[in-house]
Amino acid sequence: MSVLQLKNLSFSYTGRKAILENLNVEFHRGQMYVILGPSGCGKTTLLSLVGGLDSPDNGTIEFEGQDITQKGLEDHRKNNVSFIFQNYNLIDYMTPEENVTLTAKEEALPILEKLGLSKEEAKRNVLKLSGGQQQRVAIARALASQNPIILADEPTGNLDEDTAKEITSILKDTAKSFHRCVIVVSHSNEVAKQADVVYELRQGNLTKIVVQ
């Protein structure tokens, strides 16, 4: 059974052509998905809809077979999904351990260590960490929530090439080792090469593709 399903999903901004048209897609645990597309094609909009930050014009989003509006979007955001952003969205006066603890349903430090931060680094102010380390903290925060779906919006966009590869590898391992459904929106073919399934979003439609 899919953990997330889009059924006839459509969305448009007021007075504009539809940015998403009749999308029908299933997402499963243990898989990393990448949605490719140029800037402005609707990738972030799609992520916002899936994450319960906005509502579609038509169609439904189902979590484990149930329309997410039945329990409410707030419940969906709290219990079903976690976000990872390009700019990390960490609380800058806190340490990594404190940032993760805010949403944690388990001990923060073991997760941070698994993602490559030492005990000393976990207790530093996050602004004293590199971009790659800060993104590891953001991933740890998503993992510690135990929510089954992780939504990542251009998570490697602010990172150098080598660090981007490491973060992409961590995201894929997160899907496999923690049995999460990881959905990444990106414009990077290098990120897409690591995915289990790749979709291209173009002119409102999602098409499964193979990235060489």
Foldseek 3Di string as FASTA:
>chain_A
DFQKWWAQFWADDPPDDILAGGETDGFHFLFEEEEAEDPPSCPVVVLCCQLLVDDTPDTAMDGVRHGCPVVHSVCCNQAAEAEAEQQLPFDQAAFLQVRLVVQAPDRLVVQLVVLPDDPVNRHDGLVPDDLLSSSSSSVSSRVRNVHQEYEYEANCVVDDPVSSLSSLVVQSCCRNVSRHGYYYYHNDLVSNQSGPWYWYRHPNYTDTDDRD
